Amino acid sequence: MEKTDQQEEIKRKVVNAIKDVYDPEIPVDVYELGLIYEITVYPVNNVYILMTLTSPNCPAAESIPSEVKSRVSEIEGINNVEVELTFDPPYSQDMMSEVAKLELGFL
């Protein structure tokens, strides 16, 4: 398997792991909510995730990023996981997937 294929496979597993993380106040996973801005898989299976929260004052501001890191770290073969939190650009409902908008009654 080429590195790029392996990195794509790991990225798919990372996305699936992230889809198990929910904002406690919203019945939609953080990936479909649009809180994940970037997922990069570097050589030796190091994963970098750039994400945001629905608000800087989100009550789950500490728990969501640490749960994302924990879920991704559980994937077999993952070496290191770094989760960075940003509020630039600020989150908006436009970032939600159609699945999330449908689930929350926005469509």
PDB file of N, CA and C in Angstrom:
ATOM      1  N   MET A   1       0.845  -1.180   0.000  1.00  0.00           N
ATOM      2  CA  MET A   1       0.000   0.000   0.000  1.00  0.00           C
ATOM      3  C   MET A   1       0.890   1.242   0.000  1.00  0.00           C
ATOM      4  N   GLU A   2       0.634   2.166  -0.913  1.00  0.00           N
ATOM      5  CA  GLU A   2       1.421   3.391  -0.965  1.00  0.00           C
ATOM      6  C   GLU A   2       1.116   4.248   0.248  1.00  0.00           C
ATOM      7  N   LYS A   3       2.060   5.132   0.569  1.00  0.00           N
ATOM      8  CA  LYS A   3       1.851   6.018   1.710  1.00  0.00           C
ATOM      9  C   LYS A   3       0.575   6.829   1.561  1.00  0.00           C
ATOM     10  N   THR A   4       0.315   7.351   0.364  1.00  0.00           N
ATOM     11  CA  THR A   4      -0.868   8.186   0.188  1.00  0.00           C
ATOM     12  C   THR A   4      -2.143   7.373   0.421  1.00  0.00           C
ATOM     13  N   ASP A   5      -2.169   6.130  -0.054  1.00  0.00           N
ATOM     14  CA  ASP A   5      -3.332   5.269   0.186  1.00  0.00           C
ATOM     15  C   ASP A   5      -3.477   4.989   1.679  1.00  0.00           C
ATOM     16  N   GLN A   6      -2.348   4.721   2.326  1.00  0.00           N
ATOM     17  CA  GLN A   6      -2.371   4.448   3.760  1.00  0.00           C
ATOM     18  C   GLN A   6      -2.833   5.688   4.530  1.00  0.00           C
ATOM     19  N   GLN A   7      -2.355   6.856   4.135  1.00  0.00           N
ATOM     20  CA  GLN A   7      -2.762   8.091   4.804  1.00  0.00           C
ATOM     21  C   GLN A   7      -4.253   8.357   4.592  1.00  0.00           C
ATOM     22  N   GLU A   8      -4.762   8.078   3.386  1.00  0.00           N
ATOM     23  CA  GLU A   8      -6.197   8.249   3.126  1.00  0.00           C
ATOM     24  C   GLU A   8      -7.025   7.286   3.965  1.00  0.00           C
ATOM     25  N   GLU A   9      -6.546   6.062   4.112  1.00  0.00           N
ATOM     26  CA  GLU A   9      -7.238   5.066   4.931  1.00  0.00           C
ATOM     27  C   GLU A   9      -7.275   5.515   6.392  1.00  0.00           C
ATOM     28  N   ILE A  10      -6.148   6.023   6.877  1.00  0.00           N
ATOM     29  CA  ILE A  10      -6.105   6.516   8.256  1.00  0.00           C
ATOM     30  C   ILE A  10      -7.037   7.711   8.412  1.00  0.00           C
ATOM     31  N   LYS A  11      -7.049   8.585   7.423  1.00  0.00           N
ATOM     32  CA  LYS A  11      -7.936   9.758   7.484  1.00  0.00           C
ATOM     33  C   LYS A  11      -9.400   9.316   7.574  1.00  0.00           C
ATOM     34  N   ARG A  12      -9.776   8.283   6.814  1.00  0.00           N
ATOM     35  CA  ARG A  12     -11.154   7.755   6.886  1.00  0.00           C
ATOM     36  C   ARG A  12     -11.453   7.240   8.287  1.00  0.00           C
ATOM     37  N   LYS A  13     -10.487   6.535   8.874  1.00  0.00           N
ATOM     38  CA  LYS A  13     -10.675   6.015  10.234  1.00  0.00           C
ATOM     39  C   LYS A  13     -10.785   7.157  11.242  1.00  0.00           C
ATOM     40  N   VAL A  14      -9.998   8.223  11.029  1.00  0.00           N
ATOM     41  CA  VAL A  14     -10.042   9.392  11.915  1.00  0.00           C
ATOM     42  C   VAL A  14     -11.425  10.042  11.839  1.00  0.00           C
ATOM     43  N   VAL A  15     -11.936  10.224  10.628  1.00  0.00           N
ATOM     44  CA  VAL A  15     -13.267  10.819  10.458  1.00  0.00           C
ATOM     45  C   VAL A  15     -14.315   9.956  11.164  1.00  0.00           C
ATOM     46  N   ASN A  16     -14.241   8.644  10.981  1.00  0.00           N
ATOM     47  CA  ASN A  16     -15.204   7.753  11.641  1.00  0.00           C
ATOM     48  C   ASN A  16     -15.116   7.850  13.159  1.00  0.00           C
ATOM     49  N   ALA A  17     -13.903   7.966  13.688  1.00  0.00           N
ATOM     50  CA  ALA A  17     -13.731   8.099  15.141  1.00  0.00           C
ATOM     51  C   ALA A  17     -14.314   9.427  15.629  1.00  0.00           C
ATOM     52  N   ILE A  18     -14.084  10.488  14.868  1.00  0.00           N
ATOM     53  CA  ILE A  18     -14.597  11.810  15.245  1.00  0.00           C
ATOM     54  C   ILE A  18     -16.122  11.818  15.224  1.00  0.00           C
ATOM     55  N   LYS A  19     -16.714  11.024  14.329  1.00  0.00           N
ATOM     56  CA  LYS A  19     -18.181  10.970  14.247  1.00  0.00           C
ATOM     57  C   LYS A  19     -18.821  10.326  15.483  1.00  0.00           C
ATOM     58  N   ASP A  20     -17.995   9.783  16.390  1.00  0.00           N
ATOM     59  CA  ASP A  20     -18.502   9.253  17.664  1.00  0.00           C
ATOM     60  C   ASP A  20     -18.516  10.311  18.761  1.00  0.00           C
ATOM     61  N   VAL A  21     -18.055  11.527  18.435  1.00  0.00           N
ATOM     62  CA  VAL A  21     -17.983  12.604  19.433  1.00  0.00           C
ATOM     63  C   VAL A  21     -19.136  13.578  19.179  1.00  0.00           C
ATOM     64  N   TYR A  22     -19.889  13.840  20.246  1.00  0.00           N
ATOM     65  CA  TYR A  22     -21.049  14.722  20.143  1.00  0.00           C
ATOM     66  C   TYR A  22     -20.917  15.897  21.094  1.00  0.00           C
ATOM     67  N   ASP A  23     -21.426  17.051  20.667  1.00  0.00           N
ATOM     68  CA  ASP A  23     -21.602  18.170  21.575  1.00  0.00           C
ATOM     69  C   ASP A  23     -22.744  17.750  22.494  1.00  0.00           C
ATOM     70  N   PRO A  24     -22.559  17.806  23.819  1.00  0.00           N
ATOM     71  CA  PRO A  24     -23.598  17.308  24.733  1.00  0.00           C
ATOM     72  C   PRO A  24     -24.950  18.014  24.581  1.00  0.00           C
ATOM     73  N   GLU A  25     -24.938  19.214  24.003  1.00  0.00           N
ATOM     74  CA  GLU A  25     -26.183  19.973  23.887  1.00  0.00           C
ATOM     75  C   GLU A  25     -26.863  19.805  22.527  1.00  0.00           C
ATOM     76  N   ILE A  26     -26.189  19.117  21.585  1.00  0.00           N
ATOM     77  CA  ILE A  26     -26.708  19.010  20.213  1.00  0.00           C
ATOM     78  C   ILE A  26     -26.636  17.547  19.780  1.00  0.00           C
ATOM     79  N   PRO A  27     -27.750  16.984  19.281  1.00  0.00           N
ATOM     80  CA  PRO A  27     -27.758  15.550  18.925  1.00  0.00           C
ATOM     81  C   PRO A  27     -27.126  15.226  17.572  1.00  0.00           C
ATOM     82  N   VAL A  28     -26.025  15.910  17.232  1.00  0.00           N
ATOM     83  CA  VAL A  28     -25.330  15.693  15.963  1.00  0.00           C
ATOM     84  C   VAL A  28     -23.840  15.634  16.276  1.00  0.00           C
ATOM     85  N   ASP A  29     -23.120  14.729  15.592  1.00  0.00           N
ATOM     86  CA  ASP A  29     -21.684  14.605  15.880  1.00  0.00           C
ATOM     87  C   ASP A  29     -20.905  15.844  15.426  1.00  0.00           C
ATOM     88  N   VAL A  30     -19.728  16.042  16.022  1.00  0.00           N
ATOM     89  CA  VAL A  30     -18.952  17.261  15.773  1.00  0.00           C
ATOM     90  C   VAL A  30     -18.466  17.363  14.327  1.00  0.00           C
ATOM     91  N   TYR A  31     -18.303  16.219  13.640  1.00  0.00           N
ATOM     92  CA  TYR A  31     -17.879  16.264  12.239  1.00  0.00           C
ATOM     93  C   TYR A  31     -19.005  16.834  11.366  1.00  0.00           C
ATOM     94  N   GLU A  32     -20.219  16.307  11.542  1.00  0.00           N
ATOM     95  CA  GLU A  32     -21.353  16.787  10.745  1.00  0.00           C
ATOM     96  C   GLU A  32     -21.721  18.228  11.111  1.00  0.00           C
ATOM     97  N   LEU A  33     -21.448  18.624  12.365  1.00  0.00           N
ATOM     98  CA  LEU A  33     -21.702  20.011  12.775  1.00  0.00           C
ATOM     99  C   LEU A  33     -20.772  20.992  12.056  1.00  0.00           C
ATOM    100  N   GLY A  34     -19.668  20.479  11.513  1.00  0.00           N
ATOM    101  CA  GLY A  34     -18.715  21.349  10.825  1.00  0.00           C
ATOM    102  C   GLY A  34     -17.659  21.921  11.754  1.00  0.00           C
ATOM    103  N   LEU A  35     -17.468  21.287  12.909  1.00  0.00           N
ATOM    104  CA  LEU A  35     -16.485  21.788  13.872  1.00  0.00           C
ATOM    105  C   LEU A  35     -15.053  21.394  13.525  1.00  0.00           C
ATOM    106  N   ILE A  36     -14.885  20.453  12.596  1.00  0.00           N
ATOM    107  CA  ILE A  36     -13.542  20.011  12.205  1.00  0.00           C
ATOM    108  C   ILE A  36     -13.136  20.765  10.947  1.00  0.00           C
ATOM    109  N   TYR A  37     -12.114  21.606  11.066  1.00  0.00           N
ATOM    110  CA  TYR A  37     -11.649  22.410   9.927  1.00  0.00           C
ATOM    111  C   TYR A  37     -10.621  21.678   9.084  1.00  0.00           C
ATOM    112  N   GLU A  38      -9.792  20.864   9.729  1.00  0.00           N
ATOM    113  CA  GLU A  38      -8.687  20.230   8.993  1.00  0.00           C
ATOM    114  C   GLU A  38      -8.291  18.933   9.680  1.00  0.00           C
ATOM    115  N   ILE A  39      -8.006  17.918   8.874  1.00  0.00           N
ATOM    116  CA  ILE A  39      -7.418  16.670   9.367  1.00  0.00           C
ATOM    117  C   ILE A  39      -6.227  16.385   8.466  1.00  0.00           C
ATOM    118  N   THR A  40      -5.040  16.325   9.055  1.00  0.00           N
ATOM    119  CA  THR A  40      -3.833  16.040   8.284  1.00  0.00           C
ATOM    120  C   THR A  40      -3.161  14.820   8.882  1.00  0.00           C
ATOM    121  N   VAL A  41      -2.816  13.863   8.010  1.00  0.00           N
ATOM    122  CA  VAL A  41      -2.075  12.679   8.443  1.00  0.00           C
ATOM    123  C   VAL A  41      -0.654  12.824   7.920  1.00  0.00           C
ATOM    124  N   TYR A  42       0.295  12.892   8.848  1.00  0.00           N
ATOM    125  CA  TYR A  42       1.708  13.020   8.501  1.00  0.00           C
ATOM    126  C   TYR A  42       2.351  11.645   8.519  1.00  0.00           C
ATOM    127  N   PRO A  43       3.555  11.518   7.909  1.00  0.00           N
ATOM    128  CA  PRO A  43       4.265  10.237   7.950  1.00  0.00           C
ATOM    129  C   PRO A  43       4.413   9.728   9.388  1.00  0.00           C
ATOM    130  N   VAL A  44       4.500   8.452   9.506  1.00  0.00           N
ATOM    131  CA  VAL A  44       4.571   7.719  10.770  1.00  0.00           C
ATOM    132  C   VAL A  44       3.248   7.858  11.534  1.00  0.00           C
ATOM    133  N   ASN A  45       2.178   8.119  10.788  1.00  0.00           N
ATOM    134  CA  ASN A  45       0.819   8.123  11.346  1.00  0.00           C
ATOM    135  C   ASN A  45       0.608   9.111  12.493  1.00  0.00           C
ATOM    136  N   ASN A  46       1.186  10.289  12.344  1.00  0.00           N
ATOM    137  CA  ASN A  46       0.897  11.384  13.260  1.00  0.00           C
ATOM    138  C   ASN A  46      -0.291  12.151  12.678  1.00  0.00           C
ATOM    139  N   VAL A  47      -1.263  12.476  13.518  1.00  0.00           N
ATOM    140  CA  VAL A  47      -2.490  13.126  13.049  1.00  0.00           C
ATOM    141  C   VAL A  47      -2.617  14.504  13.682  1.00  0.00           C
ATOM    142  N   TYR A  48      -2.899  15.491  12.833  1.00  0.00           N
ATOM    143  CA  TYR A  48      -3.146  16.865  13.283  1.00  0.00           C
ATOM    144  C   TYR A  48      -4.595  17.201  12.951  1.00  0.00           C
ATOM    145  N   ILE A  49      -5.324  17.705  13.948  1.00  0.00           N
ATOM    146  CA  ILE A  49      -6.728  18.083  13.751  1.00  0.00           C
ATOM    147  C   ILE A  49      -6.896  19.534  14.190  1.00  0.00           C
ATOM    148  N   LEU A  50      -7.411  20.358  13.280  1.00  0.00           N
ATOM    149  CA  LEU A  50      -7.738  21.746  13.599  1.00  0.00           C
ATOM    150  C   LEU A  50      -9.251  21.814  13.700  1.00  0.00           C
ATOM    151  N   MET A  51      -9.735  22.291  14.846  1.00  0.00           N
ATOM    152  CA  MET A  51     -11.182  22.301  15.045  1.00  0.00           C
ATOM    153  C   MET A  51     -11.618  23.565  15.772  1.00  0.00           C
ATOM    154  N   THR A  52     -12.918  23.754  15.833  1.00  0.00           N
ATOM    155  CA  THR A  52     -13.504  24.871  16.552  1.00  0.00           C
ATOM    156  C   THR A  52     -14.621  24.344  17.429  1.00  0.00           C
ATOM    157  N   LEU A  53     -15.283  25.237  18.110  1.00  0.00           N
ATOM    158  CA  LEU A  53     -16.470  24.909  18.899  1.00  0.00           C
ATOM    159  C   LEU A  53     -17.583  25.839  18.449  1.00  0.00           C
ATOM    160  N   THR A  54     -18.808  25.523  18.820  1.00  0.00           N
ATOM    161  CA  THR A  54     -19.930  26.368  18.401  1.00  0.00           C
ATOM    162  C   THR A  54     -19.801  27.769  18.992  1.00  0.00           C
ATOM    163  N   SER A  55     -19.095  27.893  20.118  1.00  0.00           N
ATOM    164  CA  SER A  55     -18.899  29.186  20.772  1.00  0.00           C
ATOM    165  C   SER A  55     -17.668  29.107  21.667  1.00  0.00           C
ATOM    166  N   PRO A  56     -16.913  30.219  21.810  1.00  0.00           N
ATOM    167  CA  PRO A  56     -15.782  30.196  22.735  1.00  0.00           C
ATOM    168  C   PRO A  56     -16.233  29.928  24.182  1.00  0.00           C
ATOM    169  N   ASN A  57     -17.491  30.218  24.477  1.00  0.00           N
ATOM    170  CA  ASN A  57     -18.031  30.005  25.819  1.00  0.00           C
ATOM    171  C   ASN A  57     -18.742  28.664  25.961  1.00  0.00           C
ATOM    172  N   CYS A  58     -18.545  27.779  24.989  1.00  0.00           N
ATOM    173  CA  CYS A  58     -19.188  26.465  25.009  1.00  0.00           C
ATOM    174  C   CYS A  58     -18.870  25.751  26.319  1.00  0.00           C
ATOM    175  N   PRO A  59     -19.895  25.241  27.035  1.00  0.00           N
ATOM    176  CA  PRO A  59     -19.646  24.547  28.297  1.00  0.00           C
ATOM    177  C   PRO A  59     -18.755  23.309  28.134  1.00  0.00           C
ATOM    178  N   ALA A  60     -18.732  22.739  26.939  1.00  0.00           N
ATOM    179  CA  ALA A  60     -17.930  21.536  26.697  1.00  0.00           C
ATOM    180  C   ALA A  60     -16.581  21.874  26.052  1.00  0.00           C
ATOM    181  N   ALA A  61     -16.125  23.118  26.234  1.00  0.00           N
ATOM    182  CA  ALA A  61     -14.895  23.585  25.578  1.00  0.00           C
ATOM    183  C   ALA A  61     -13.683  22.721  25.886  1.00  0.00           C
ATOM    184  N   GLU A  62     -13.634  22.144  27.061  1.00  0.00           N
ATOM    185  CA  GLU A  62     -12.484  21.296  27.393  1.00  0.00           C
ATOM    186  C   GLU A  62     -12.734  19.848  27.009  1.00  0.00           C
ATOM    187  N   SER A  63     -13.970  19.400  27.178  1.00  0.00           N
ATOM    188  CA  SER A  63     -14.232  17.975  26.980  1.00  0.00           C
ATOM    189  C   SER A  63     -14.277  17.556  25.513  1.00  0.00           C
ATOM    190  N   ILE A  64     -14.804  18.383  24.630  1.00  0.00           N
ATOM    191  CA  ILE A  64     -14.929  17.974  23.221  1.00  0.00           C
ATOM    192  C   ILE A  64     -13.551  17.761  22.573  1.00  0.00           C
ATOM    193  N   PRO A  65     -12.622  18.738  22.621  1.00  0.00           N
ATOM    194  CA  PRO A  65     -11.306  18.483  22.004  1.00  0.00           C
ATOM    195  C   PRO A  65     -10.577  17.291  22.624  1.00  0.00           C
ATOM    196  N   SER A  66     -10.688  17.116  23.944  1.00  0.00           N
ATOM    197  CA  SER A  66      -9.987  15.982  24.557  1.00  0.00           C
ATOM    198  C   SER A  66     -10.645  14.661  24.174  1.00  0.00           C
ATOM    199  N   GLU A  67     -11.971  14.665  23.977  1.00  0.00           N
ATOM    200  CA  GLU A  67     -12.633  13.440  23.521  1.00  0.00           C
ATOM    201  C   GLU A  67     -12.250  13.122  22.079  1.00  0.00           C
ATOM    202  N   VAL A  68     -12.147  14.153  21.229  1.00  0.00           N
ATOM    203  CA  VAL A  68     -11.700  13.953  19.844  1.00  0.00           C
ATOM    204  C   VAL A  68     -10.306  13.313  19.864  1.00  0.00           C
ATOM    205  N   LYS A  69      -9.397  13.873  20.663  1.00  0.00           N
ATOM    206  CA  LYS A  69      -8.035  13.339  20.741  1.00  0.00           C
ATOM    207  C   LYS A  69      -8.043  11.898  21.239  1.00  0.00           C
ATOM    208  N   SER A  70      -8.834  11.630  22.260  1.00  0.00           N
ATOM    209  CA  SER A  70      -8.908  10.287  22.836  1.00  0.00           C
ATOM    210  C   SER A  70      -9.434   9.272  21.822  1.00  0.00           C
ATOM    211  N   ARG A  71     -10.527   9.612  21.128  1.00  0.00           N
ATOM    212  CA  ARG A  71     -11.116   8.686  20.136  1.00  0.00           C
ATOM    213  C   ARG A  71     -10.140   8.390  19.009  1.00  0.00           C
ATOM    214  N   VAL A  72      -9.462   9.422  18.513  1.00  0.00           N
ATOM    215  CA  VAL A  72      -8.522   9.234  17.402  1.00  0.00           C
ATOM    216  C   VAL A  72      -7.300   8.438  17.877  1.00  0.00           C
ATOM    217  N   SER A  73      -6.865   8.678  19.117  1.00  0.00           N
ATOM    218  CA  SER A  73      -5.706   7.954  19.661  1.00  0.00           C
ATOM    219  C   SER A  73      -5.963   6.459  19.785  1.00  0.00           C
ATOM    220  N   GLU A  74      -7.234   6.068  19.880  1.00  0.00           N
ATOM    221  CA  GLU A  74      -7.589   4.652  20.018  1.00  0.00           C
ATOM    222  C   GLU A  74      -7.451   3.868  18.713  1.00  0.00           C
ATOM    223  N   ILE A  75      -7.313   4.568  17.584  1.00  0.00           N
ATOM    224  CA  ILE A  75      -7.207   3.894  16.286  1.00  0.00           C
ATOM    225  C   ILE A  75      -5.874   3.153  16.224  1.00  0.00           C
ATOM    226  N   GLU A  76      -5.941   1.880  15.851  1.00  0.00           N
ATOM    227  CA  GLU A  76      -4.724   1.071  15.763  1.00  0.00           C
ATOM    228  C   GLU A  76      -3.770   1.676  14.737  1.00  0.00           C
ATOM    229  N   GLY A  77      -2.505   1.810  15.132  1.00  0.00           N
ATOM    230  CA  GLY A  77      -1.483   2.316  14.219  1.00  0.00           C
ATOM    231  C   GLY A  77      -1.238   3.813  14.331  1.00  0.00           C
ATOM    232  N   ILE A  78      -2.091   4.531  15.036  1.00  0.00           N
ATOM    233  CA  ILE A  78      -1.889   5.972  15.193  1.00  0.00           C
ATOM    234  C   ILE A  78      -0.741   6.191  16.168  1.00  0.00           C
ATOM    235  N   ASN A  79       0.169   7.064  15.789  1.00  0.00           N
ATOM    236  CA  ASN A  79       1.344   7.333  16.610  1.00  0.00           C
ATOM    237  C   ASN A  79       1.081   8.478  17.584  1.00  0.00           C
ATOM    238  N   ASN A  80       0.754   9.646  17.064  1.00  0.00           N
ATOM    239  CA  ASN A  80       0.569  10.833  17.885  1.00  0.00           C
ATOM    240  C   ASN A  80      -0.614  11.628  17.344  1.00  0.00           C
ATOM    241  N   VAL A  81      -1.369  12.251  18.248  1.00  0.00           N
ATOM    242  CA  VAL A  81      -2.520  13.060  17.836  1.00  0.00           C
ATOM    243  C   VAL A  81      -2.377  14.435  18.457  1.00  0.00           C
ATOM    244  N   GLU A  82      -2.476  15.456  17.612  1.00  0.00           N
ATOM    245  CA  GLU A  82      -2.486  16.837  18.106  1.00  0.00           C
ATOM    246  C   GLU A  82      -3.803  17.466  17.689  1.00  0.00           C
ATOM    247  N   VAL A  83      -4.517  18.027  18.666  1.00  0.00           N
ATOM    248  CA  VAL A  83      -5.779  18.723  18.392  1.00  0.00           C
ATOM    249  C   VAL A  83      -5.568  20.191  18.742  1.00  0.00           C
ATOM    250  N   GLU A  84      -5.774  21.050  17.751  1.00  0.00           N
ATOM    251  CA  GLU A  84      -5.642  22.488  17.977  1.00  0.00           C
ATOM    252  C   GLU A  84      -7.017  23.123  17.851  1.00  0.00           C
ATOM    253  N   LEU A  85      -7.314  24.017  18.782  1.00  0.00           N
ATOM    254  CA  LEU A  85      -8.594  24.710  18.803  1.00  0.00           C
ATOM    255  C   LEU A  85      -8.401  26.107  18.240  1.00  0.00           C
ATOM    256  N   THR A  86      -9.321  26.533  17.369  1.00  0.00           N
ATOM    257  CA  THR A  86      -9.256  27.881  16.803  1.00  0.00           C
ATOM    258  C   THR A  86     -10.668  28.453  16.734  1.00  0.00           C
ATOM    259  N   PHE A  87     -10.751  29.754  16.736  1.00  0.00           N
ATOM    260  CA  PHE A  87     -12.046  30.417  16.529  1.00  0.00           C
ATOM    261  C   PHE A  87     -11.957  31.352  15.330  1.00  0.00           C
ATOM    262  N   ASP A  88     -11.009  31.045  14.433  1.00  0.00           N
ATOM    263  CA  ASP A  88     -10.825  31.832  13.227  1.00  0.00           C
ATOM    264  C   ASP A  88     -10.792  30.889  12.034  1.00  0.00           C
ATOM    265  N   PRO A  89     -11.779  30.810  11.192  1.00  0.00           N
ATOM    266  CA  PRO A  89     -12.972  31.668  11.227  1.00  0.00           C
ATOM    267  C   PRO A  89     -13.947  31.224  12.315  1.00  0.00           C
ATOM    268  N   PRO A  90     -14.782  32.157  12.784  1.00  0.00           N
ATOM    269  CA  PRO A  90     -15.776  31.787  13.794  1.00  0.00           C
ATOM    270  C   PRO A  90     -16.786  30.793  13.223  1.00  0.00           C
ATOM    271  N   TYR A  91     -17.302  29.950  14.090  1.00  0.00           N
ATOM    272  CA  TYR A  91     -18.272  28.948  13.674  1.00  0.00           C
ATOM    273  C   TYR A  91     -19.586  29.613  13.260  1.00  0.00           C
ATOM    274  N   SER A  92     -20.208  29.067  12.238  1.00  0.00           N
ATOM    275  CA  SER A  92     -21.560  29.498  11.861  1.00  0.00           C
ATOM    276  C   SER A  92     -22.336  28.269  11.401  1.00  0.00           C
ATOM    277  N   GLN A  93     -23.657  28.373  11.407  1.00  0.00           N
ATOM    278  CA  GLN A  93     -24.495  27.233  11.008  1.00  0.00           C
ATOM    279  C   GLN A  93     -24.277  26.830   9.557  1.00  0.00           C
ATOM    280  N   ASP A  94     -23.710  27.716   8.755  1.00  0.00           N
ATOM    281  CA  ASP A  94     -23.414  27.388   7.353  1.00  0.00           C
ATOM    282  C   ASP A  94     -22.391  26.260   7.237  1.00  0.00           C
ATOM    283  N   MET A  95     -21.633  26.010   8.300  1.00  0.00           N
ATOM    284  CA  MET A  95     -20.596  24.975   8.278  1.00  0.00           C
ATOM    285  C   MET A  95     -21.163  23.576   8.485  1.00  0.00           C
ATOM    286  N   MET A  96     -22.417  23.496   8.895  1.00  0.00           N
ATOM    287  CA  MET A  96     -23.048  22.185   9.119  1.00  0.00           C
ATOM    288  C   MET A  96     -23.247  21.451   7.807  1.00  0.00           C
ATOM    289  N   SER A  97     -23.148  20.139   7.868  1.00  0.00           N
ATOM    290  CA  SER A  97     -23.474  19.325   6.701  1.00  0.00           C
ATOM    291  C   SER A  97     -24.992  19.319   6.528  1.00  0.00           C
ATOM    292  N   GLU A  98     -25.451  18.865   5.373  1.00  0.00           N
ATOM    293  CA  GLU A  98     -26.900  18.760   5.160  1.00  0.00           C
ATOM    294  C   GLU A  98     -27.513  17.760   6.131  1.00  0.00           C
ATOM    295  N   VAL A  99     -26.751  16.715   6.483  1.00  0.00           N
ATOM    296  CA  VAL A  99     -27.218  15.721   7.452  1.00  0.00           C
ATOM    297  C   VAL A  99     -27.538  16.412   8.781  1.00  0.00           C
ATOM    298  N   ALA A 100     -26.612  17.264   9.240  1.00  0.00           N
ATOM    299  CA  ALA A 100     -26.800  17.972  10.513  1.00  0.00           C
ATOM    300  C   ALA A 100     -27.980  18.939  10.424  1.00  0.00           C
ATOM    301  N   LYS A 101     -28.069  19.680   9.312  1.00  0.00           N
ATOM    302  CA  LYS A 101     -29.172  20.640   9.153  1.00  0.00           C
ATOM    303  C   LYS A 101     -30.518  19.925   9.154  1.00  0.00           C
ATOM    304  N   LEU A 102     -30.572  18.770   8.503  1.00  0.00           N
ATOM    305  CA  LEU A 102     -31.802  17.981   8.467  1.00  0.00           C
ATOM    306  C   LEU A 102     -32.155  17.491   9.872  1.00  0.00           C
ATOM    307  N   GLU A 103     -31.151  16.948  10.587  1.00  0.00           N
ATOM    308  CA  GLU A 103     -31.358  16.420  11.943  1.00  0.00           C
ATOM    309  C   GLU A 103     -31.868  17.516  12.898  1.00  0.00           C
ATOM    310  N   LEU A 104     -31.365  18.726  12.722  1.00  0.00           N
ATOM    311  CA  LEU A 104     -31.719  19.824  13.623  1.00  0.00           C
ATOM    312  C   LEU A 104     -32.913  20.639  13.134  1.00  0.00           C
ATOM    313  N   GLY A 105     -33.493  20.239  11.992  1.00  0.00           N
ATOM    314  CA  GLY A 105     -34.692  20.896  11.494  1.00  0.00           C
ATOM    315  C   GLY A 105     -34.442  22.202  10.757  1.00  0.00           C
ATOM    316  N   PHE A 106     -33.209  22.400  10.238  1.00  0.00           N
ATOM    317  CA  PHE A 106     -32.906  23.611   9.477  1.00  0.00           C
ATOM    318  C   PHE A 106     -33.232  23.465   7.991  1.00  0.00           C
ATOM    319  N   LEU A 107     -33.589  22.256   7.558  1.00  0.00           N
ATOM    320  CA  LEU A 107     -33.928  22.027   6.132  1.00  0.00           C
ATOM    321  C   LEU A 107     -35.383  21.613   6.019  1.00  0.00           C
TER     322      LEU A 107
END
